[in-house]
Structures are given as C-alpha cells and as structure tokens.
Amino acid sequence: MKKILFSALIWIIINFLSFSQSAVKIYPYPMIPSEHPDYFRYHVQSPDASLFGNKTEFIALRDLSENYKEKLDIWINKDKLGKILWVSYPFIFQDNIKEVVREIKKRNLYLFDLWGYVPGSGPGGYWRQFALPDSISTLFESELGERWLGMDNGEQDGRYVGSYAPRMYPMGADKKAAIL
C-alpha cells in the first residue's frame, strides 16, 4: 500500500512539474502595454508600470463613505494595502464626493473603477446597472488626471453574456438560430 501511495505521489509531482514548466510562464519584469501592436488604436491606453514608479501596487479600500480620512489613514498609511482605490458605486452619489476626490488627489492616490455594476439589475438588492454621470466623469478627469484609471467591465462581461443577454434576446434552440 505504501508503495502505491509513494508511486502516486511521485507521479503527481512529475506531472505537476512538467505542466508548470510548459504551461506557466513567470515574467520577472513589468509588462509594457505600449509595445502591443494594438495599443495606439484605442482612445484610452492602459497605464504601464512607470505610472506607479515601476513598482507593483495593490488595490485597496472599497468604501469611502463615512470617516473616509480615517479609513485612508488605516488602509493606506498604517496597513500599506496599496495606493489604488477601487470603491463601490454609491461613492458617485455621495454629497461630499468633491471633498473626497480632493483628498484622493492630495494624498497622490489612484482611483480605479466603481464596483457593483451589474447589467440588467433590478431595483432591489445592492447591485445596480448605472451610468457614470458626465459631471462625475469630468470631476475625476479634471481633479485626478492620470490618477483616474477609468472604468472596466470586469467579470460583468461574463454576466452579460451568460445571464442578461439571453433574457433580453432568448437563445435559439440550435446553432443556426443562435447565429441568426
């Protein structure tokens, strides 16, 4: 029995090592998006590591509602959890949003995305389908400049394809109907 378990363990290790050596590649240097041939085709370009002083930055702090200065002090200064803020969408409806954005700018932090966007969301629950108001977009761009990293679609593209789109336009019964 011990021989079989030992053989199985050896087999697992050998297969893991061969898989990891052939399938997984680790690059010890930052990617440079501008080297991609499609980089300049788009109006919005991805930032590269130089924006962050050529060091890895983590995303921190999802909530900037109450006691936001205290939260920034704890998350950013004390715990050193990153300089990129990825806050929840209710942030754009806060009465003090201009004040908070000024504080983000003052502390040289980055603002990325607003999480909580789910296409097709109804009125109940936390998740929402929303549009970023022009006034908020202008505020972020004018106050934060390159420190406003913009919006992303994230996993919502999967939710769109897998859940929302079929409810808006039912999938066909066969491949031809689906294509049409």
N, C-alpha and C. Protein backbone atom coordinates (compact mmCIF):
# COMPACT_ATOMS: atom_id res chain seq x y z
N MET A 1 0.83 -1.20 0.00
CA MET A 1 0.00 0.00 0.00
C MET A 1 0.87 1.27 0.00
N LYS A 2 1.95 1.24 0.83
CA LYS A 2 2.83 2.39 0.89
C LYS A 2 3.51 2.63 -0.46
N LYS A 3 3.86 1.52 -1.15
CA LYS A 3 4.48 1.64 -2.46
C LYS A 3 3.56 2.32 -3.45
N ILE A 4 2.28 1.96 -3.42
CA ILE A 4 1.29 2.54 -4.34
C ILE A 4 1.12 4.03 -4.06
N LEU A 5 0.99 4.38 -2.78
CA LEU A 5 0.85 5.80 -2.42
C LEU A 5 2.08 6.60 -2.81
N PHE A 6 3.26 6.01 -2.56
CA PHE A 6 4.50 6.69 -2.91
C PHE A 6 4.59 6.87 -4.43
N SER A 7 4.24 5.83 -5.19
CA SER A 7 4.25 5.91 -6.65
C SER A 7 3.28 6.97 -7.15
N ALA A 8 2.11 7.02 -6.53
CA ALA A 8 1.11 8.02 -6.93
C ALA A 8 1.61 9.42 -6.64
N LEU A 9 2.26 9.60 -5.50
CA LEU A 9 2.80 10.91 -5.15
C LEU A 9 3.89 11.33 -6.14
N ILE A 10 4.77 10.42 -6.48
CA ILE A 10 5.82 10.71 -7.45
C ILE A 10 5.20 11.09 -8.80
N TRP A 11 4.19 10.34 -9.22
CA TRP A 11 3.51 10.62 -10.49
C TRP A 11 2.91 12.02 -10.47
N ILE A 12 2.27 12.39 -9.36
CA ILE A 12 1.66 13.73 -9.24
C ILE A 12 2.74 14.80 -9.32
N ILE A 13 3.82 14.63 -8.61
CA ILE A 13 4.90 15.63 -8.61
C ILE A 13 5.49 15.79 -10.01
N ILE A 14 5.77 14.67 -10.67
CA ILE A 14 6.36 14.74 -12.02
C ILE A 14 5.40 15.44 -12.98
N ASN A 15 4.12 15.09 -12.92
CA ASN A 15 3.15 15.72 -13.81
C ASN A 15 2.97 17.19 -13.49
N PHE A 16 2.99 17.54 -12.21
CA PHE A 16 2.87 18.95 -11.84
C PHE A 16 4.06 19.74 -12.37
N LEU A 17 5.26 19.19 -12.17
CA LEU A 17 6.45 19.90 -12.63
C LEU A 17 6.48 20.05 -14.14
N SER A 18 6.10 19.00 -14.85
CA SER A 18 6.12 19.09 -16.31
C SER A 18 5.05 20.06 -16.79
N PHE A 19 3.89 20.07 -16.13
CA PHE A 19 2.84 21.02 -16.51
C PHE A 19 3.28 22.44 -16.22
N SER A 20 3.82 22.66 -15.02
CA SER A 20 4.16 24.02 -14.63
C SER A 20 5.30 24.57 -15.48
N GLN A 21 6.21 23.71 -15.93
CA GLN A 21 7.31 24.20 -16.74
C GLN A 21 6.88 24.51 -18.17
N SER A 22 5.88 23.79 -18.66
CA SER A 22 5.48 24.01 -20.05
C SER A 22 4.32 25.00 -20.18
N ALA A 23 3.46 25.12 -19.18
CA ALA A 23 2.25 25.92 -19.32
C ALA A 23 2.32 27.26 -18.62
N VAL A 24 3.06 27.35 -17.54
CA VAL A 24 3.07 28.57 -16.74
C VAL A 24 4.36 29.32 -17.00
N LYS A 25 4.23 30.58 -17.32
CA LYS A 25 5.40 31.41 -17.55
C LYS A 25 5.37 32.56 -16.56
N ILE A 26 6.45 32.77 -15.88
CA ILE A 26 6.56 33.88 -14.94
C ILE A 26 7.53 34.89 -15.53
N TYR A 27 7.06 36.11 -15.65
CA TYR A 27 7.89 37.17 -16.19
C TYR A 27 8.35 38.06 -15.03
N PRO A 28 9.64 38.14 -14.79
CA PRO A 28 10.14 38.91 -13.65
C PRO A 28 10.26 40.40 -13.94
N TYR A 29 9.56 40.87 -14.93
CA TYR A 29 9.61 42.27 -15.29
C TYR A 29 8.20 42.74 -15.62
N PRO A 30 7.92 44.02 -15.47
CA PRO A 30 6.57 44.51 -15.76
C PRO A 30 6.26 44.50 -17.26
N MET A 31 4.99 44.30 -17.57
CA MET A 31 4.56 44.37 -18.97
C MET A 31 4.59 45.83 -19.42
N ILE A 32 4.82 46.03 -20.68
CA ILE A 32 4.79 47.38 -21.25
C ILE A 32 3.68 47.38 -22.30
N PRO A 33 2.48 47.82 -21.92
CA PRO A 33 1.34 47.76 -22.84
C PRO A 33 1.59 48.47 -24.16
N SER A 34 2.37 49.54 -24.14
CA SER A 34 2.58 50.32 -25.37
C SER A 34 3.36 49.54 -26.43
N GLU A 35 3.95 48.41 -26.05
CA GLU A 35 4.65 47.59 -27.03
C GLU A 35 3.71 46.69 -27.82
N HIS A 36 2.47 46.60 -27.38
CA HIS A 36 1.49 45.77 -28.11
C HIS A 36 1.08 46.50 -29.38
N PRO A 37 0.96 45.79 -30.50
CA PRO A 37 0.64 46.45 -31.78
C PRO A 37 -0.69 47.21 -31.78
N ASP A 38 -1.64 46.82 -30.96
CA ASP A 38 -2.94 47.49 -30.95
C ASP A 38 -3.03 48.66 -29.96
N TYR A 39 -1.97 48.92 -29.25
CA TYR A 39 -2.01 49.90 -28.16
C TYR A 39 -2.54 51.27 -28.61
N PHE A 40 -2.05 51.79 -29.71
CA PHE A 40 -2.40 53.14 -30.13
C PHE A 40 -3.70 53.20 -30.93
N ARG A 41 -4.33 52.05 -31.16
CA ARG A 41 -5.61 52.02 -31.88
C ARG A 41 -6.75 52.57 -31.02
N TYR A 42 -6.57 52.54 -29.72
CA TYR A 42 -7.67 52.87 -28.81
C TYR A 42 -7.51 54.27 -28.22
N HIS A 43 -8.66 54.89 -27.97
CA HIS A 43 -8.67 56.23 -27.37
C HIS A 43 -8.05 56.20 -25.97
N VAL A 44 -8.36 55.16 -25.21
CA VAL A 44 -7.85 55.03 -23.84
C VAL A 44 -6.75 53.97 -23.85
N GLN A 45 -5.58 54.34 -23.36
CA GLN A 45 -4.47 53.40 -23.30
C GLN A 45 -4.27 52.92 -21.87
N SER A 46 -3.88 51.66 -21.74
CA SER A 46 -3.59 51.08 -20.43
C SER A 46 -2.36 51.72 -19.84
N PRO A 47 -2.37 51.99 -18.53
CA PRO A 47 -1.15 52.52 -17.92
C PRO A 47 -0.10 51.42 -17.82
N ASP A 48 1.15 51.83 -17.79
CA ASP A 48 2.20 50.85 -17.58
C ASP A 48 2.82 51.08 -16.20
N ALA A 49 3.81 50.28 -15.87
CA ALA A 49 4.41 50.32 -14.54
C ALA A 49 5.03 51.67 -14.21
N SER A 50 5.41 52.45 -15.21
CA SER A 50 6.03 53.75 -14.93
C SER A 50 5.07 54.70 -14.22
N LEU A 51 3.76 54.53 -14.45
CA LEU A 51 2.78 55.36 -13.76
C LEU A 51 2.86 55.16 -12.25
N PHE A 52 3.24 53.96 -11.83
CA PHE A 52 3.30 53.63 -10.41
C PHE A 52 4.74 53.60 -9.90
N GLY A 53 5.63 54.32 -10.58
CA GLY A 53 7.02 54.36 -10.14
C GLY A 53 7.74 53.04 -10.34
N ASN A 54 7.29 52.28 -11.33
CA ASN A 54 7.88 50.97 -11.66
C ASN A 54 7.88 49.99 -10.48
N LYS A 55 6.84 50.06 -9.67
CA LYS A 55 6.68 49.07 -8.61
C LYS A 55 5.25 48.57 -8.58
N THR A 56 5.07 47.40 -8.08
CA THR A 56 3.75 46.78 -8.01
C THR A 56 2.89 47.52 -7.00
N GLU A 57 1.67 47.82 -7.40
CA GLU A 57 0.71 48.45 -6.50
C GLU A 57 -0.50 47.54 -6.36
N PHE A 58 -1.07 47.53 -5.19
CA PHE A 58 -2.26 46.73 -4.94
C PHE A 58 -3.48 47.63 -4.84
N ILE A 59 -4.63 47.04 -5.05
CA ILE A 59 -5.89 47.78 -4.96
C ILE A 59 -6.42 47.63 -3.55
N ALA A 60 -6.86 48.73 -2.96
CA ALA A 60 -7.33 48.70 -1.58
C ALA A 60 -8.57 49.58 -1.42
N LEU A 61 -9.24 49.36 -0.34
CA LEU A 61 -10.32 50.22 0.16
C LEU A 61 -11.52 50.30 -0.78
N ARG A 62 -12.58 49.64 -0.42
CA ARG A 62 -13.78 49.61 -1.23
C ARG A 62 -14.82 50.64 -0.81
N ASP A 63 -14.64 51.27 0.34
CA ASP A 63 -15.67 52.16 0.87
C ASP A 63 -15.06 53.49 1.31
N LEU A 64 -15.57 54.58 0.77
CA LEU A 64 -15.12 55.92 1.17
C LEU A 64 -16.30 56.76 1.65
N SER A 65 -17.27 56.13 2.27
CA SER A 65 -18.43 56.88 2.72
C SER A 65 -18.11 57.61 4.03
N GLU A 66 -18.38 57.00 5.15
CA GLU A 66 -18.16 57.66 6.45
C GLU A 66 -16.71 57.53 6.88
N ASN A 67 -16.21 58.54 7.57
CA ASN A 67 -14.84 58.53 8.12
C ASN A 67 -13.79 58.16 7.08
N TYR A 68 -13.92 58.73 5.89
CA TYR A 68 -13.03 58.33 4.80
C TYR A 68 -11.56 58.68 5.08
N LYS A 69 -11.29 59.79 5.76
CA LYS A 69 -9.89 60.13 6.06
C LYS A 69 -9.28 59.11 7.01
N GLU A 70 -10.05 58.69 7.99
CA GLU A 70 -9.58 57.67 8.92
C GLU A 70 -9.33 56.35 8.19
N LYS A 71 -10.24 55.99 7.30
CA LYS A 71 -10.07 54.75 6.52
C LYS A 71 -8.82 54.83 5.65
N LEU A 72 -8.60 55.98 5.02
CA LEU A 72 -7.40 56.15 4.20
C LEU A 72 -6.14 56.03 5.05
N ASP A 73 -6.17 56.64 6.24
CA ASP A 73 -5.01 56.55 7.13
C ASP A 73 -4.70 55.10 7.50
N ILE A 74 -5.73 54.34 7.82
CA ILE A 74 -5.53 52.95 8.23
C ILE A 74 -5.10 52.09 7.05
N TRP A 75 -5.88 52.11 5.97
CA TRP A 75 -5.63 51.21 4.83
C TRP A 75 -4.35 51.56 4.08
N ILE A 76 -4.14 52.84 3.86
CA ILE A 76 -3.03 53.27 3.01
C ILE A 76 -1.75 53.48 3.82
N ASN A 77 -1.83 54.22 4.91
CA ASN A 77 -0.62 54.57 5.67
C ASN A 77 -0.21 53.49 6.67
N LYS A 78 -1.14 53.09 7.53
CA LYS A 78 -0.80 52.12 8.58
C LYS A 78 -0.60 50.71 8.02
N ASP A 79 -1.59 50.20 7.31
CA ASP A 79 -1.54 48.82 6.81
C ASP A 79 -0.83 48.69 5.47
N LYS A 80 -0.62 49.80 4.79
CA LYS A 80 0.08 49.82 3.49
C LYS A 80 -0.50 48.82 2.50
N LEU A 81 -1.82 48.93 2.31
CA LEU A 81 -2.53 47.99 1.44
C LEU A 81 -2.62 48.43 -0.01
N GLY A 82 -1.99 49.49 -0.37
CA GLY A 82 -1.99 49.90 -1.77
C GLY A 82 -2.44 51.33 -1.95
N LYS A 83 -2.09 51.90 -3.10
CA LYS A 83 -2.43 53.29 -3.41
C LYS A 83 -3.57 53.40 -4.41
N ILE A 84 -4.11 52.27 -4.84
CA ILE A 84 -5.18 52.29 -5.83
C ILE A 84 -6.49 51.99 -5.12
N LEU A 85 -7.43 52.91 -5.21
CA LEU A 85 -8.74 52.73 -4.56
C LEU A 85 -9.73 52.20 -5.58
N TRP A 86 -10.49 51.20 -5.19
CA TRP A 86 -11.49 50.59 -6.06
C TRP A 86 -12.80 50.61 -5.29
N VAL A 87 -13.45 51.74 -5.30
CA VAL A 87 -14.60 51.95 -4.42
C VAL A 87 -15.91 51.49 -5.06
N SER A 88 -16.89 51.34 -4.22
CA SER A 88 -18.21 50.90 -4.65
C SER A 88 -18.98 52.06 -5.28
N TYR A 89 -19.87 51.74 -6.22
CA TYR A 89 -20.58 52.75 -6.99
C TYR A 89 -21.36 53.79 -6.18
N PRO A 90 -21.88 53.49 -4.97
CA PRO A 90 -22.59 54.55 -4.24
C PRO A 90 -21.74 55.79 -3.98
N PHE A 91 -20.42 55.63 -4.10
CA PHE A 91 -19.50 56.75 -3.95
C PHE A 91 -19.89 57.93 -4.84
N ILE A 92 -20.35 57.64 -6.06
CA ILE A 92 -20.64 58.73 -7.01
C ILE A 92 -21.89 59.51 -6.62
N PHE A 93 -22.66 59.00 -5.65
CA PHE A 93 -23.87 59.69 -5.21
C PHE A 93 -23.70 60.36 -3.86
N GLN A 94 -22.49 60.31 -3.31
CA GLN A 94 -22.25 60.94 -2.01
C GLN A 94 -22.29 62.46 -2.14
N ASP A 95 -22.81 63.13 -1.12
CA ASP A 95 -22.86 64.59 -1.12
C ASP A 95 -21.47 65.21 -1.06
N ASN A 96 -20.52 64.49 -0.43
CA ASN A 96 -19.18 65.04 -0.24
C ASN A 96 -18.17 64.51 -1.26
N ILE A 97 -18.64 64.08 -2.41
CA ILE A 97 -17.73 63.44 -3.39
C ILE A 97 -16.59 64.37 -3.81
N LYS A 98 -16.86 65.66 -3.98
CA LYS A 98 -15.79 66.59 -4.39
C LYS A 98 -14.71 66.67 -3.31
N GLU A 99 -15.13 66.70 -2.08
CA GLU A 99 -14.20 66.75 -0.94
C GLU A 99 -13.35 65.48 -0.90
N VAL A 100 -13.97 64.33 -1.10
CA VAL A 100 -13.24 63.06 -1.08
C VAL A 100 -12.26 62.98 -2.24
N VAL A 101 -12.67 63.42 -3.42
CA VAL A 101 -11.79 63.40 -4.59
C VAL A 101 -10.59 64.33 -4.35
N ARG A 102 -10.82 65.47 -3.72
CA ARG A 102 -9.69 66.37 -3.39
C ARG A 102 -8.71 65.68 -2.44
N GLU A 103 -9.24 64.91 -1.49
CA GLU A 103 -8.38 64.19 -0.55
C GLU A 103 -7.58 63.09 -1.26
N ILE A 104 -8.21 62.42 -2.21
CA ILE A 104 -7.51 61.40 -3.00
C ILE A 104 -6.36 62.05 -3.76
N LYS A 105 -6.64 63.21 -4.35
CA LYS A 105 -5.61 63.94 -5.09
C LYS A 105 -4.49 64.40 -4.16
N LYS A 106 -4.86 64.94 -3.01
CA LYS A 106 -3.89 65.45 -2.05
C LYS A 106 -2.92 64.34 -1.59
N ARG A 107 -3.44 63.14 -1.45
CA ARG A 107 -2.63 62.02 -0.97
C ARG A 107 -1.93 61.27 -2.11
N ASN A 108 -2.07 61.77 -3.33
CA ASN A 108 -1.45 61.14 -4.51
C ASN A 108 -1.85 59.68 -4.67
N LEU A 109 -3.15 59.41 -4.48
CA LEU A 109 -3.68 58.07 -4.66
C LEU A 109 -4.29 57.95 -6.05
N TYR A 110 -4.62 56.74 -6.43
CA TYR A 110 -5.25 56.46 -7.72
C TYR A 110 -6.67 55.97 -7.47
N LEU A 111 -7.57 56.33 -8.36
CA LEU A 111 -8.95 55.83 -8.29
C LEU A 111 -9.20 54.98 -9.52
N PHE A 112 -9.66 53.75 -9.27
CA PHE A 112 -9.91 52.82 -10.36
C PHE A 112 -11.32 52.28 -10.25
N ASP A 113 -12.10 52.45 -11.31
CA ASP A 113 -13.37 51.76 -11.44
C ASP A 113 -14.33 52.10 -10.31
N LEU A 114 -15.52 51.65 -10.44
CA LEU A 114 -16.55 51.71 -9.41
C LEU A 114 -17.22 50.35 -9.43
N TRP A 115 -17.00 49.55 -8.41
CA TRP A 115 -17.55 48.20 -8.45
C TRP A 115 -19.01 48.19 -8.01
N GLY A 116 -19.69 47.16 -8.43
CA GLY A 116 -21.10 46.99 -8.10
C GLY A 116 -22.00 47.10 -9.32
N TYR A 117 -21.42 47.35 -10.49
CA TYR A 117 -22.21 47.45 -11.72
C TYR A 117 -22.56 46.06 -12.21
N VAL A 118 -23.85 45.78 -12.33
CA VAL A 118 -24.31 44.50 -12.87
C VAL A 118 -25.42 44.80 -13.88
N PRO A 119 -25.17 44.52 -15.15
CA PRO A 119 -26.18 44.82 -16.18
C PRO A 119 -27.47 44.05 -15.94
N GLY A 120 -28.59 44.73 -16.15
CA GLY A 120 -29.89 44.10 -16.01
C GLY A 120 -30.38 44.02 -14.58
N SER A 121 -29.66 44.64 -13.64
CA SER A 121 -30.07 44.58 -12.24
C SER A 121 -31.37 45.35 -12.04
N GLY A 122 -32.20 44.80 -11.24
CA GLY A 122 -33.47 45.46 -10.93
C GLY A 122 -33.31 46.42 -9.78
N PRO A 123 -34.43 46.95 -9.31
CA PRO A 123 -34.38 47.96 -8.25
C PRO A 123 -34.02 47.40 -6.87
N GLY A 124 -34.19 46.10 -6.64
CA GLY A 124 -33.89 45.53 -5.33
C GLY A 124 -32.46 45.07 -5.23
N GLY A 125 -31.96 44.99 -4.02
CA GLY A 125 -30.61 44.48 -3.81
C GLY A 125 -29.54 45.54 -3.98
N TYR A 126 -28.32 45.13 -3.74
CA TYR A 126 -27.20 46.07 -3.77
C TYR A 126 -26.73 46.39 -5.18
N TRP A 127 -26.61 45.39 -6.02
CA TRP A 127 -26.03 45.57 -7.35
C TRP A 127 -26.91 46.47 -8.19
N ARG A 128 -26.29 47.21 -9.09
CA ARG A 128 -27.04 48.16 -9.92
C ARG A 128 -26.46 48.22 -11.33
N GLN A 129 -27.36 48.54 -12.25
CA GLN A 129 -26.93 48.97 -13.57
C GLN A 129 -27.00 50.48 -13.53
N PHE A 130 -25.90 51.15 -13.76
CA PHE A 130 -25.88 52.61 -13.68
C PHE A 130 -24.99 53.17 -14.76
N ALA A 131 -25.17 54.44 -15.03
CA ALA A 131 -24.29 55.16 -15.95
C ALA A 131 -23.52 56.18 -15.13
N LEU A 132 -22.23 56.30 -15.40
CA LEU A 132 -21.42 57.30 -14.72
C LEU A 132 -21.85 58.67 -15.21
N PRO A 133 -22.39 59.51 -14.33
CA PRO A 133 -22.82 60.84 -14.78
C PRO A 133 -21.66 61.64 -15.37
N ASP A 134 -21.95 62.41 -16.40
CA ASP A 134 -20.91 63.23 -17.04
C ASP A 134 -20.20 64.13 -16.03
N SER A 135 -20.95 64.68 -15.08
CA SER A 135 -20.35 65.58 -14.10
C SER A 135 -19.32 64.86 -13.23
N ILE A 136 -19.58 63.61 -12.92
CA ILE A 136 -18.65 62.83 -12.11
C ILE A 136 -17.43 62.45 -12.94
N SER A 137 -17.66 62.04 -14.17
CA SER A 137 -16.55 61.72 -15.07
C SER A 137 -15.64 62.94 -15.23
N THR A 138 -16.24 64.10 -15.44
CA THR A 138 -15.48 65.34 -15.58
C THR A 138 -14.71 65.66 -14.30
N LEU A 139 -15.35 65.46 -13.14
CA LEU A 139 -14.69 65.69 -11.86
C LEU A 139 -13.46 64.80 -11.72
N PHE A 140 -13.62 63.52 -12.00
CA PHE A 140 -12.50 62.58 -11.88
C PHE A 140 -11.36 62.97 -12.83
N GLU A 141 -11.71 63.26 -14.08
CA GLU A 141 -10.69 63.60 -15.07
C GLU A 141 -9.99 64.91 -14.74
N SER A 142 -10.74 65.93 -14.34
CA SER A 142 -10.13 67.24 -14.09
C SER A 142 -9.33 67.26 -12.79
N GLU A 143 -9.82 66.62 -11.75
CA GLU A 143 -9.13 66.64 -10.46
C GLU A 143 -8.00 65.61 -10.37
N LEU A 144 -8.23 64.42 -10.89
CA LEU A 144 -7.27 63.34 -10.69
C LEU A 144 -6.35 63.12 -11.89
N GLY A 145 -6.77 63.56 -13.07
CA GLY A 145 -5.94 63.39 -14.26
C GLY A 145 -5.59 61.93 -14.49
N GLU A 146 -4.29 61.64 -14.65
CA GLU A 146 -3.87 60.26 -14.90
C GLU A 146 -4.05 59.37 -13.67
N ARG A 147 -4.38 59.94 -12.55
CA ARG A 147 -4.65 59.13 -11.35
C ARG A 147 -6.09 58.61 -11.32
N TRP A 148 -6.90 59.02 -12.27
CA TRP A 148 -8.20 58.38 -12.51
C TRP A 148 -7.95 57.34 -13.59
N LEU A 149 -7.97 56.08 -13.19
CA LEU A 149 -7.60 55.00 -14.09
C LEU A 149 -8.76 54.51 -14.95
N GLY A 150 -9.93 55.08 -14.76
CA GLY A 150 -11.06 54.76 -15.62
C GLY A 150 -11.88 53.57 -15.15
N MET A 151 -12.82 53.20 -16.00
CA MET A 151 -13.78 52.13 -15.69
C MET A 151 -13.37 50.85 -16.42
N ASP A 152 -13.82 49.74 -15.88
CA ASP A 152 -13.62 48.47 -16.57
C ASP A 152 -14.93 47.71 -16.60
N ASN A 153 -14.95 46.65 -17.35
CA ASN A 153 -16.14 45.81 -17.43
C ASN A 153 -16.01 44.62 -16.49
N GLY A 154 -14.78 44.25 -16.17
CA GLY A 154 -14.53 43.17 -15.22
C GLY A 154 -15.26 41.90 -15.56
N GLU A 155 -15.74 41.23 -14.53
CA GLU A 155 -16.45 39.98 -14.75
C GLU A 155 -17.85 40.21 -15.30
N GLN A 156 -18.25 41.47 -15.43
CA GLN A 156 -19.61 41.75 -15.89
C GLN A 156 -19.82 41.34 -17.34
N ASP A 157 -18.76 41.26 -18.13
CA ASP A 157 -18.95 40.78 -19.50
C ASP A 157 -19.45 39.33 -19.47
N GLY A 158 -18.96 38.54 -18.53
CA GLY A 158 -19.47 37.17 -18.37
C GLY A 158 -20.91 37.15 -17.91
N ARG A 159 -21.24 38.04 -16.99
CA ARG A 159 -22.63 38.12 -16.53
C ARG A 159 -23.53 38.55 -17.69
N TYR A 160 -23.03 39.48 -18.50
CA TYR A 160 -23.83 39.95 -19.63
C TYR A 160 -24.12 38.81 -20.60
N VAL A 161 -23.06 38.11 -21.01
CA VAL A 161 -23.21 37.03 -21.99
C VAL A 161 -24.02 35.88 -21.40
N GLY A 162 -23.75 35.53 -20.15
CA GLY A 162 -24.36 34.36 -19.56
C GLY A 162 -25.74 34.56 -18.97
N SER A 163 -26.07 35.79 -18.58
CA SER A 163 -27.33 35.99 -17.87
C SER A 163 -28.22 37.06 -18.50
N TYR A 164 -27.68 38.24 -18.66
CA TYR A 164 -28.51 39.37 -19.11
C TYR A 164 -28.92 39.22 -20.58
N ALA A 165 -27.97 38.99 -21.46
CA ALA A 165 -28.26 38.93 -22.89
C ALA A 165 -29.32 37.87 -23.24
N PRO A 166 -29.22 36.65 -22.69
CA PRO A 166 -30.25 35.66 -23.04
C PRO A 166 -31.66 36.05 -22.57
N ARG A 167 -31.75 36.85 -21.51
CA ARG A 167 -33.08 37.30 -21.06
C ARG A 167 -33.63 38.39 -21.97
N MET A 168 -32.74 39.17 -22.55
CA MET A 168 -33.19 40.24 -23.43
C MET A 168 -33.48 39.72 -24.83
N TYR A 169 -32.72 38.72 -25.26
CA TYR A 169 -32.94 38.11 -26.57
C TYR A 169 -32.69 36.62 -26.38
N PRO A 170 -33.76 35.83 -26.24
CA PRO A 170 -33.58 34.41 -25.92
C PRO A 170 -32.68 33.68 -26.91
N MET A 171 -31.90 32.76 -26.37
CA MET A 171 -31.01 31.95 -27.21
C MET A 171 -31.83 31.01 -28.08
N GLY A 172 -31.34 30.76 -29.28
CA GLY A 172 -32.01 29.85 -30.19
C GLY A 172 -31.87 28.41 -29.75
N ALA A 173 -32.70 27.55 -30.30
CA ALA A 173 -32.67 26.14 -29.94
C ALA A 173 -31.50 25.42 -30.59
N ASP A 174 -31.03 25.92 -31.70
CA ASP A 174 -29.90 25.27 -32.36
C ASP A 174 -28.86 26.33 -32.76
N LYS A 175 -27.73 25.88 -33.28
CA LYS A 175 -26.64 26.79 -33.61
C LYS A 175 -27.04 27.81 -34.68
N LYS A 176 -27.76 27.38 -35.69
CA LYS A 176 -28.16 28.29 -36.76
C LYS A 176 -29.07 29.40 -36.22
N ALA A 177 -30.04 29.03 -35.39
CA ALA A 177 -30.95 30.04 -34.81
C ALA A 177 -30.18 31.00 -33.92
N ALA A 178 -29.20 30.47 -33.16
CA ALA A 178 -28.40 31.33 -32.29
C ALA A 178 -27.59 32.33 -33.10
N ILE A 179 -27.03 31.87 -34.23
CA ILE A 179 -26.24 32.77 -35.06
C ILE A 179 -27.14 33.84 -35.67
N LEU A 180 -28.32 33.45 -36.12
CA LEU A 180 -29.24 34.43 -36.69
C LEU A 180 -29.74 35.39 -35.65
